[in-house]
């Protein structure tokens, strides 16, 4: 299939025009590639209503964690010889590079019992990270489960991790298509509660096995450490607590890119009432001196530096006042339209971090806003008493209007923006941009 390229600009969630889940992030060359499962809404003729419904996979790439290119569908259920073409069970995938080829691993339900019952795991191969991927005619022999995760150690030995009520590992042959060793259960993980979604990485001689685990009611992200990729592992800590949204699943991958580590995961941002339609997120991840992972708190702001001359979606905020601020959908019937910020009362404020002011030609700010009465917005840099960038008069209007304000003084560099309602309100804000 021919890749379809289009750009998506976003913070968290990073993809806004479709549901995405189970992000497996990989660094290939100077780019991050995220291999994602693709949630859709089940109907009478497509999948099981009220359950996960996934018919294909997409891959997204970025060089700056802000601008993401959707390369389109890379594998779909009706184009894999061994997959049941109406299974809607294309669950969490992963991809790895070896010998000038990209090996894409994915689980699904087979079209008949020739390969056994339940989920099998197959492979598709490409010469480029975004495809076209050619699926193998049969799944990996004697392998059943979900959430495949390939790993190649420094000595060149390849491994595959997967889940089937427990987490398993086996060595892979050099062709990356067959098991070299018998599957074995990873020892040392919690005995009680569902464990799935393994993702293993190595850092400074330690092997980090990360996985979602249901200890209570929903999944939280945990990790265990070993000095051997096959274990045994020692449970070490929590990467991310249960999601505040109540989303039942989570699924993670962890990479280093540009001397910074990142956690990829998902939540139900675009479908808060139905957690089977999920959306990919990113947040920065840090290690302590002893190699343990600092717990990550999920954010809306996410990562990346936003150019001042691009649309700044302040609803993906870093901080906000304790009262007087509401973030809600622009259109409650179409979540893909995104969100808006409502500053309800005087002195309410919202902060958006890491905006890059490099273009010295910046003279004005444009705000897409809506208000029922004349109001005044003040934009400051870095802190509540920081320099004033602009004072913008927002006149009463009945529909979304682009309001211009003069930039009082140019301040080069990377700054945090604070937008304050100084007078009037409520004011609804979609985005702002400097020109």
Protein backbone atom coordinates (compact mmCIF):
# COMPACT_ATOMS: atom_id res chain seq x y z
CA UNK A 1 0.00 0.00 0.00
CA UNK A 2 1.15 3.58 -0.65
CA UNK A 3 1.66 5.73 2.46
CA UNK A 4 -0.64 8.71 2.84
CA UNK A 5 1.23 11.61 4.41
CA UNK A 6 -0.45 14.41 6.32
CA UNK A 7 0.57 16.53 9.26
CA UNK A 8 -1.01 16.70 12.69
CA UNK A 9 0.00 19.44 15.15
CA UNK A 10 -0.65 18.63 18.75
CA UNK A 11 0.44 18.42 22.36
CA UNK A 12 -1.42 15.88 24.54
CA UNK A 13 -2.99 13.98 22.99
CA UNK A 14 -0.52 14.10 20.13
CA UNK A 15 -2.99 12.85 17.49
CA UNK A 16 -6.27 14.75 17.24
CA UNK A 17 -8.00 13.54 14.06
CA UNK A 18 -8.56 9.90 15.03
CA UNK A 19 -8.44 7.58 18.03
CA UNK A 20 -5.04 6.01 18.71
CA UNK A 21 -3.79 3.65 21.40
CA UNK A 22 -0.94 1.39 22.53
CA UNK A 23 1.95 3.58 21.33
CA UNK A 24 5.20 1.76 20.60
CA UNK A 25 7.77 4.50 20.03
CA UNK A 26 11.05 3.85 18.23
CA UNK A 27 13.93 6.12 17.21
CA UNK A 28 14.99 5.51 13.61
CA UNK A 29 17.52 8.00 12.26
CA UNK A 30 16.67 11.54 13.35
CA UNK A 31 12.97 10.81 13.89
CA UNK A 32 10.62 9.22 16.38
CA UNK A 33 8.23 6.71 14.85
CA UNK A 34 5.15 5.71 16.83
CA UNK A 35 3.43 2.47 15.84
CA UNK A 36 -0.12 2.66 17.08
CA UNK A 37 -3.24 0.59 17.23
CA UNK A 38 -6.31 2.38 15.91
CA UNK A 39 -9.54 2.44 17.89
CA UNK A 40 -12.80 2.89 16.01
CA UNK A 41 -16.37 2.86 17.27
CA UNK A 42 -18.00 -0.54 16.85
CA UNK A 43 -21.37 -0.79 15.08
CA UNK A 44 -23.82 -3.61 14.39
CA UNK A 45 -21.77 -4.71 11.36
CA UNK A 46 -18.30 -3.85 12.63
CA UNK A 47 -16.96 -5.47 15.78
CA UNK A 48 -18.61 -5.89 19.16
CA UNK A 49 -20.53 -2.89 20.44
CA UNK A 50 -19.16 -1.63 23.75
CA UNK A 51 -15.79 -3.32 23.29
CA UNK A 52 -12.42 -2.64 21.64
CA UNK A 53 -12.73 -2.39 17.87
CA UNK A 54 -9.47 -2.18 15.90
CA UNK A 55 -9.08 -3.06 12.23
CA UNK A 56 -5.71 -1.59 11.21
CA UNK A 57 -2.49 0.13 12.26
CA UNK A 58 -1.02 3.57 11.60
CA UNK A 59 2.51 4.90 12.07
CA UNK A 60 3.28 8.52 12.96
CA UNK A 61 6.65 10.28 12.87
CA UNK A 62 8.17 13.48 14.23
CA UNK A 63 11.55 15.16 14.53
CA UNK A 64 10.49 17.59 17.29
CA UNK A 65 7.67 15.88 19.26
CA UNK A 66 5.31 18.69 18.22
CA UNK A 67 4.67 18.19 14.50
CA UNK A 68 3.50 14.66 13.72
CA UNK A 69 3.15 13.12 10.26
CA UNK A 70 0.54 10.40 9.80
CA UNK A 71 1.88 7.93 7.25
CA UNK A 72 -1.49 6.26 6.95
CA UNK A 73 -2.52 2.62 7.33
CA UNK A 74 0.44 0.23 7.26
CA UNK A 75 -1.32 -3.09 8.01
CA UNK A 76 -5.02 -3.92 8.05
CA UNK A 77 -6.97 -7.02 9.05
CA UNK A 78 -8.27 -7.71 5.54
CA UNK A 79 -4.78 -7.74 4.01
CA UNK A 80 -3.10 -10.31 6.27
CA UNK A 81 -3.52 -13.88 4.90
CA UNK A 82 -3.83 -15.58 8.29
CA UNK A 83 -6.01 -13.00 10.09
CA UNK A 84 -9.78 -13.29 10.35
CA UNK A 85 -10.83 -10.35 8.13
CA UNK A 86 -13.68 -9.35 10.43
CA UNK A 87 -11.99 -9.91 13.79
CA UNK A 88 -11.39 -6.20 14.65
CA UNK A 89 -8.66 -7.45 16.96
CA UNK A 90 -5.54 -5.69 15.69
CA UNK A 91 -4.27 -4.96 19.19
CA UNK A 92 -1.00 -3.42 20.44
CA UNK A 93 1.91 -3.71 17.92
CA UNK A 94 5.63 -2.88 17.88
CA UNK A 95 8.45 -2.53 15.36
CA UNK A 96 12.21 -2.99 15.29
CA UNK A 97 15.04 -2.54 12.78
CA UNK A 98 17.53 -5.20 11.79
CA UNK A 99 19.66 -5.92 8.71
CA UNK A 100 18.18 -3.06 6.66
CA UNK A 101 14.63 -4.19 7.32
CA UNK A 102 11.86 -3.10 9.66
CA UNK A 103 9.99 -5.92 11.40
CA UNK A 104 6.48 -5.03 12.53
CA UNK A 105 4.96 -7.40 15.11
CA UNK A 106 1.22 -7.47 15.73
CA UNK A 107 -1.39 -9.73 17.38
CA UNK A 108 -4.76 -10.74 16.00
CA UNK A 109 -7.27 -13.57 15.87
CA UNK A 110 -6.66 -16.13 13.11
CA UNK A 111 -9.22 -16.87 10.41
CA UNK A 112 -9.46 -20.54 11.49
CA UNK A 113 -8.21 -22.91 14.20
CA UNK A 114 -5.24 -24.08 12.11
CA UNK A 115 -3.09 -21.79 14.23
CA UNK A 116 -4.91 -22.53 17.49
CA UNK A 117 -7.50 -20.56 19.41
CA UNK A 118 -7.20 -17.03 20.69
CA UNK A 119 -4.58 -14.52 19.56
CA UNK A 120 -1.60 -15.31 17.38
CA UNK A 121 1.30 -12.96 16.63
CA UNK A 122 2.42 -12.15 13.11
CA UNK A 123 5.12 -10.13 11.38
CA UNK A 124 5.12 -7.69 8.49
CA UNK A 125 8.36 -6.52 6.85
CA UNK A 126 9.36 -3.28 5.15
CA UNK A 127 12.50 -1.60 3.86
CA UNK A 128 11.31 1.74 5.29
CA UNK A 129 9.96 2.56 8.77
CA UNK A 130 6.66 3.83 7.34
CA UNK A 131 6.11 0.99 4.87
CA UNK A 132 4.93 -0.46 2.68
CA UNK A 133 4.84 -3.43 5.08
CA UNK A 134 4.36 -6.91 3.62
CA UNK A 135 2.67 -9.33 6.07
CA UNK A 136 4.01 -12.86 6.33
CA UNK A 137 1.59 -15.54 5.18
CA UNK A 138 1.51 -17.24 8.59
CA UNK A 139 1.93 -16.11 12.21
CA UNK A 140 4.95 -17.06 14.32
CA UNK A 141 4.75 -20.80 14.98
CA UNK A 142 3.75 -21.98 18.47
CA UNK A 143 3.26 -18.45 19.74
CA UNK A 144 -0.04 -17.24 21.20
CA UNK A 145 -0.73 -14.01 23.02
CA UNK A 146 -0.93 -10.24 22.64
CA UNK A 147 1.26 -7.12 22.94
CA UNK A 148 4.45 -8.32 21.20
CA UNK A 149 7.60 -6.37 22.08
CA UNK A 150 10.87 -7.12 20.23
CA UNK A 151 14.25 -6.24 21.73
CA UNK A 152 17.79 -6.64 20.37
CA UNK A 153 20.56 -6.75 22.97
CA UNK A 154 24.05 -5.30 22.59
CA UNK A 155 25.42 -8.74 21.66
CA UNK A 156 22.98 -8.96 18.75
CA UNK A 157 20.63 -11.51 20.31
CA UNK A 158 16.99 -10.73 19.60
CA UNK A 159 14.16 -11.40 22.04
CA UNK A 160 10.40 -11.21 21.90
CA UNK A 161 8.20 -10.40 24.90
CA UNK A 162 4.44 -10.82 24.94
CA UNK A 163 1.48 -11.28 27.27
CA UNK A 164 -1.07 -14.03 27.79
CA UNK A 165 -2.37 -13.60 31.34
CA UNK A 166 1.31 -13.57 32.32
CA UNK A 167 4.33 -12.04 30.58
CA UNK A 168 6.52 -14.32 28.46
CA UNK A 169 9.89 -14.10 26.72
CA UNK A 170 11.73 -16.14 24.11
CA UNK A 171 14.81 -15.69 21.97
CA UNK A 172 14.24 -14.94 18.29
CA UNK A 173 16.17 -16.47 15.41
CA UNK A 174 18.33 -14.18 13.29
CA UNK A 175 15.57 -14.04 10.68
CA UNK A 176 13.31 -12.41 13.33
CA UNK A 177 10.45 -14.67 12.22
CA UNK A 178 10.90 -17.76 14.40
CA UNK A 179 11.45 -18.54 18.06
CA UNK A 180 14.94 -19.79 18.89
CA UNK A 181 14.06 -20.86 22.43
CA UNK A 182 11.02 -22.16 24.23
CA UNK A 183 8.73 -19.47 25.69
CA UNK A 184 9.27 -18.93 29.39
CA UNK A 185 7.31 -16.97 31.97
CA UNK A 186 9.07 -13.89 33.32
CA UNK A 187 9.78 -14.64 36.97
CA UNK A 188 9.57 -12.13 39.80
CA UNK A 189 6.53 -10.12 38.68
CA UNK A 190 3.41 -9.63 40.85
CA UNK A 191 1.40 -12.84 41.19
CA UNK A 192 -2.01 -11.19 41.49
CA UNK A 193 -3.73 -8.93 39.02
CA UNK A 194 -3.66 -8.66 35.24
CA UNK A 195 -0.27 -7.93 33.68
CA UNK A 196 0.12 -7.17 29.97
CA UNK A 197 1.80 -4.81 27.49
CA UNK A 198 5.50 -5.61 28.15
CA UNK A 199 8.06 -3.10 26.88
CA UNK A 200 11.73 -3.71 27.66
CA UNK A 201 14.67 -1.32 27.31
CA UNK A 202 18.26 -1.29 28.53
CA UNK A 203 20.06 1.55 30.32
CA UNK A 204 23.54 1.44 31.85
CA UNK A 205 23.60 -2.35 31.98
CA UNK A 206 20.18 -2.69 33.58
CA UNK A 207 17.15 -4.14 31.82
CA UNK A 208 13.89 -2.36 32.53
CA UNK A 209 10.78 -4.43 31.97
CA UNK A 210 7.77 -2.11 31.98
CA UNK A 211 4.15 -3.28 31.99
CA UNK A 212 0.60 -2.25 32.89
CA UNK A 213 -0.71 -3.98 36.01
CA UNK A 214 -4.17 -4.02 37.57
CA UNK A 215 -3.52 -4.11 41.29
CA UNK A 216 -6.75 -2.33 42.14
CA UNK A 217 -9.40 -1.45 39.53
CA UNK A 218 -7.52 0.01 36.53
CA UNK A 219 -4.09 -0.34 35.03
CA UNK A 220 -1.07 1.49 36.35
CA UNK A 221 2.37 1.41 34.75
CA UNK A 222 5.04 -0.45 36.71
CA UNK A 223 8.57 -1.70 36.07
CA UNK A 224 10.96 -4.41 37.20
CA UNK A 225 14.76 -4.59 36.90
CA UNK A 226 17.20 -7.32 35.95
CA UNK A 227 20.77 -7.76 34.74
CA UNK A 228 19.58 -10.34 32.21
CA UNK A 229 16.99 -9.73 29.48
CA UNK A 230 15.29 -13.03 30.34
CA UNK A 231 15.20 -12.32 34.07
CA UNK A 232 14.50 -13.04 36.79
CA UNK A 233 13.25 -9.51 37.40
CA UNK A 234 12.72 -7.61 40.63
CA UNK A 235 9.64 -5.39 40.89
CA UNK A 236 11.05 -1.92 41.50
CA UNK A 237 8.41 0.77 41.27
CA UNK A 238 5.54 2.60 39.62
CA UNK A 239 6.08 4.68 36.48
CA UNK A 240 2.58 6.17 36.39
CA UNK A 241 -0.36 5.75 38.74
CA UNK A 242 -3.84 4.83 37.60
CA UNK A 243 -5.09 7.48 35.18
CA UNK A 244 -7.22 10.19 36.85
CA UNK A 245 -9.71 9.91 33.97
CA UNK A 246 -10.58 6.36 35.01
CA UNK A 247 -9.46 4.94 31.65
CA UNK A 248 -9.25 1.22 32.35
CA UNK A 249 -6.22 0.50 30.15
CA UNK A 250 -2.84 2.09 29.73
CA UNK A 251 0.00 1.01 27.46
CA UNK A 252 3.54 2.36 27.42
CA UNK A 253 6.84 2.62 25.62
CA UNK A 254 9.97 4.48 26.72
CA UNK A 255 12.69 5.95 24.50
CA UNK A 256 15.65 8.31 24.68
CA UNK A 257 15.68 11.06 22.06
CA UNK A 258 17.89 14.14 21.99
CA UNK A 259 19.41 13.35 25.43
CA UNK A 260 15.96 13.22 27.02
CA UNK A 261 13.85 10.20 27.96
CA UNK A 262 10.16 10.11 27.14
CA UNK A 263 7.17 8.04 28.21
CA UNK A 264 4.53 7.31 25.58
CA UNK A 265 1.16 6.14 26.88
CA UNK A 266 -2.56 6.62 26.22
CA UNK A 267 -5.68 8.05 27.88
CA UNK A 268 -9.29 8.72 26.90
CA UNK A 269 -8.93 12.46 26.15
CA UNK A 270 -11.10 12.47 23.03
CA UNK A 271 -13.66 10.04 24.44
CA UNK A 272 -13.99 10.66 28.18
CA UNK A 273 -17.27 8.73 28.43
CA UNK A 274 -16.05 5.61 26.59
CA UNK A 275 -12.55 4.37 27.39
CA UNK A 276 -12.36 1.94 24.48
CA UNK A 277 -11.59 4.91 22.22
CA UNK A 278 -8.19 6.12 23.37
CA UNK A 279 -5.57 8.73 22.47
CA UNK A 280 -1.76 8.74 22.57
CA UNK A 281 0.16 11.02 24.92
CA UNK A 282 3.81 11.86 25.71
CA UNK A 283 5.47 13.15 28.85
CA UNK A 284 9.11 13.53 29.87
CA UNK A 285 10.64 10.81 32.02
CA UNK A 286 13.56 11.14 34.44
CA UNK A 287 15.81 8.75 36.35
CA UNK A 288 17.20 9.03 39.86
CA UNK A 289 20.95 8.63 40.46
CA UNK A 290 20.44 4.99 41.46
CA UNK A 291 18.75 4.22 38.16
CA UNK A 292 15.20 4.08 39.47
CA UNK A 293 12.50 5.91 37.53
CA UNK A 294 10.83 9.01 38.91
CA UNK A 295 7.08 8.65 38.82
CA UNK A 296 5.53 10.50 35.86
CA UNK A 297 2.46 12.69 36.38
CA UNK A 298 0.33 12.87 33.22
CA UNK A 299 -0.01 16.33 31.70
CA UNK A 300 -2.01 18.07 29.00
CA UNK A 301 0.94 20.22 27.94
CA UNK A 302 3.04 17.23 27.04
CA UNK A 303 6.46 17.90 25.54
CA UNK A 304 8.11 19.92 22.79
CA UNK A 305 8.68 23.63 22.20
CA UNK A 306 5.92 25.55 20.42
CA UNK A 307 6.95 28.30 17.96
CA UNK A 308 5.34 31.61 18.92
CA UNK A 309 4.22 32.06 15.32
CA UNK A 310 2.18 28.83 15.34
CA UNK A 311 -1.23 28.33 16.95
CA UNK A 312 -0.80 28.01 20.71
CA UNK A 313 -3.58 25.89 22.16
CA UNK A 314 -3.67 27.14 25.72
CA UNK A 315 -6.23 24.49 26.68
CA UNK A 316 -3.19 22.15 26.76
CA UNK A 317 -2.08 24.15 29.78
CA UNK A 318 0.81 23.71 32.18
CA UNK A 319 -0.77 25.54 35.14
CA UNK A 320 -3.98 27.44 35.87
CA UNK A 321 -5.60 29.42 38.64
CA UNK A 322 -7.44 27.43 41.29
CA UNK A 323 -10.78 28.93 40.29
CA UNK A 324 -12.30 30.64 37.29
CA UNK A 325 -10.89 28.43 34.52
CA UNK A 326 -12.77 25.79 32.52
CA UNK A 327 -11.38 23.61 29.72
CA UNK A 328 -14.03 21.92 27.63
CA UNK A 329 -14.73 20.69 24.08
CA UNK A 330 -15.38 23.27 21.37
CA UNK A 331 -18.18 21.00 20.19
CA UNK A 332 -19.48 18.37 22.59
CA UNK A 333 -20.73 16.33 19.62
CA UNK A 334 -17.37 16.31 17.82
CA UNK A 335 -14.37 15.84 20.09
CA UNK A 336 -11.97 15.99 17.13
CA UNK A 337 -12.64 19.75 16.90
CA UNK A 338 -10.54 20.10 20.05
CA UNK A 339 -10.93 22.16 23.21
CA UNK A 340 -11.40 25.73 24.37
CA UNK A 341 -10.42 27.62 27.51
CA UNK A 342 -12.95 29.71 29.40
CA UNK A 343 -11.66 32.42 31.73
CA UNK A 344 -14.73 33.08 33.87
CA UNK A 345 -13.77 35.70 36.41
CA UNK A 346 -11.38 38.58 36.98
CA UNK A 347 -7.78 37.56 37.65
CA UNK A 348 -8.34 33.98 36.49
CA UNK A 349 -5.37 32.81 34.45
CA UNK A 350 -3.89 29.95 32.49
CA UNK A 351 -0.22 29.19 31.72
CA UNK A 352 1.29 27.49 28.66
CA UNK A 353 4.97 26.61 28.91
CA UNK A 354 7.86 26.57 26.42
CA UNK A 355 7.02 29.01 23.64
CA UNK A 356 9.90 29.95 21.35
CA UNK A 357 10.24 33.62 20.38
CA UNK A 358 12.93 33.64 17.70
CA UNK A 359 11.42 35.81 14.95
CA UNK A 360 12.29 39.43 15.71
CA UNK A 361 9.64 40.54 13.22
CA UNK A 362 6.90 39.67 15.72
CA UNK A 363 4.74 42.76 16.13
CA UNK A 364 1.30 41.54 17.21
CA UNK A 365 -0.73 38.73 18.75
CA UNK A 366 -3.92 37.23 17.33
CA UNK A 367 -6.43 35.58 19.67
CA UNK A 368 -9.42 33.58 18.50
CA UNK A 369 -11.97 34.46 21.19
CA UNK A 370 -15.63 34.81 22.09
CA UNK A 371 -17.23 36.92 24.83
CA UNK A 372 -20.63 38.40 25.66
CA UNK A 373 -19.22 41.65 27.03
CA UNK A 374 -16.14 43.81 26.56
CA UNK A 375 -13.16 42.29 28.34
CA UNK A 376 -9.43 42.76 28.70
CA UNK A 377 -6.75 40.08 28.48
CA UNK A 378 -3.16 40.58 29.61
CA UNK A 379 -0.36 38.32 28.39
CA UNK A 380 2.74 38.04 30.59
CA UNK A 381 5.93 36.03 30.35
CA UNK A 382 7.23 33.41 32.79
CA UNK A 383 5.49 34.54 36.00
CA UNK A 384 2.47 36.47 37.26
CA UNK A 385 4.49 39.68 37.65
CA UNK A 386 6.63 39.02 34.58
CA UNK A 387 6.94 41.39 31.63
CA UNK A 388 3.71 42.28 29.85
CA UNK A 389 3.81 41.17 26.21
CA UNK A 390 0.41 42.50 25.21
CA UNK A 391 -2.85 43.94 26.50
CA UNK A 392 -5.74 42.85 24.32
CA UNK A 393 -9.22 44.38 24.30
CA UNK A 394 -11.83 41.75 23.45
CA UNK A 395 -15.10 43.33 22.40
CA UNK A 396 -18.47 41.65 22.80
CA UNK A 397 -19.27 39.34 19.90
CA UNK A 398 -21.74 36.58 19.10
CA UNK A 399 -19.35 34.30 17.25
CA UNK A 400 -15.69 33.36 17.23
CA UNK A 401 -13.62 36.38 16.25
CA UNK A 402 -9.92 36.92 15.67
CA UNK A 403 -8.77 39.82 17.84
CA UNK A 404 -5.46 41.60 17.28
CA UNK A 405 -3.27 43.07 19.98
CA UNK A 406 0.02 44.92 19.77
CA UNK A 407 3.19 43.36 21.14
CA UNK A 408 4.52 45.98 23.54
CA UNK A 409 8.09 44.69 23.65
CA UNK A 410 9.82 41.77 22.00
CA UNK A 411 11.50 39.30 24.37
CA UNK A 412 13.64 36.73 22.51
CA UNK A 413 14.10 33.19 23.76
CA UNK A 414 11.90 30.46 25.17
CA UNK A 415 9.27 31.67 27.62
CA UNK A 416 6.18 30.51 29.45
CA UNK A 417 2.99 32.38 28.54
CA UNK A 418 0.44 33.46 31.15
CA UNK A 419 -2.92 34.73 29.89
CA UNK A 420 -4.86 36.69 32.53
CA UNK A 421 -8.44 37.99 32.46
CA UNK A 422 -7.92 41.46 33.90
CA UNK A 423 -11.45 42.77 33.35
CA UNK A 424 -14.84 41.59 32.08
CA UNK A 425 -15.50 38.00 31.11
CA UNK A 426 -16.24 35.26 30.75
CA UNK A 427 -13.94 35.00 27.71
CA UNK A 428 -13.70 31.84 25.63
CA UNK A 429 -10.34 31.28 23.88
CA UNK A 430 -9.63 28.75 21.15
CA UNK A 431 -6.00 29.62 20.40
CA UNK A 432 -3.53 32.47 20.07
CA UNK A 433 -0.63 33.17 17.76
CA UNK A 434 2.06 35.83 17.40
CA UNK A 435 2.66 37.51 14.06
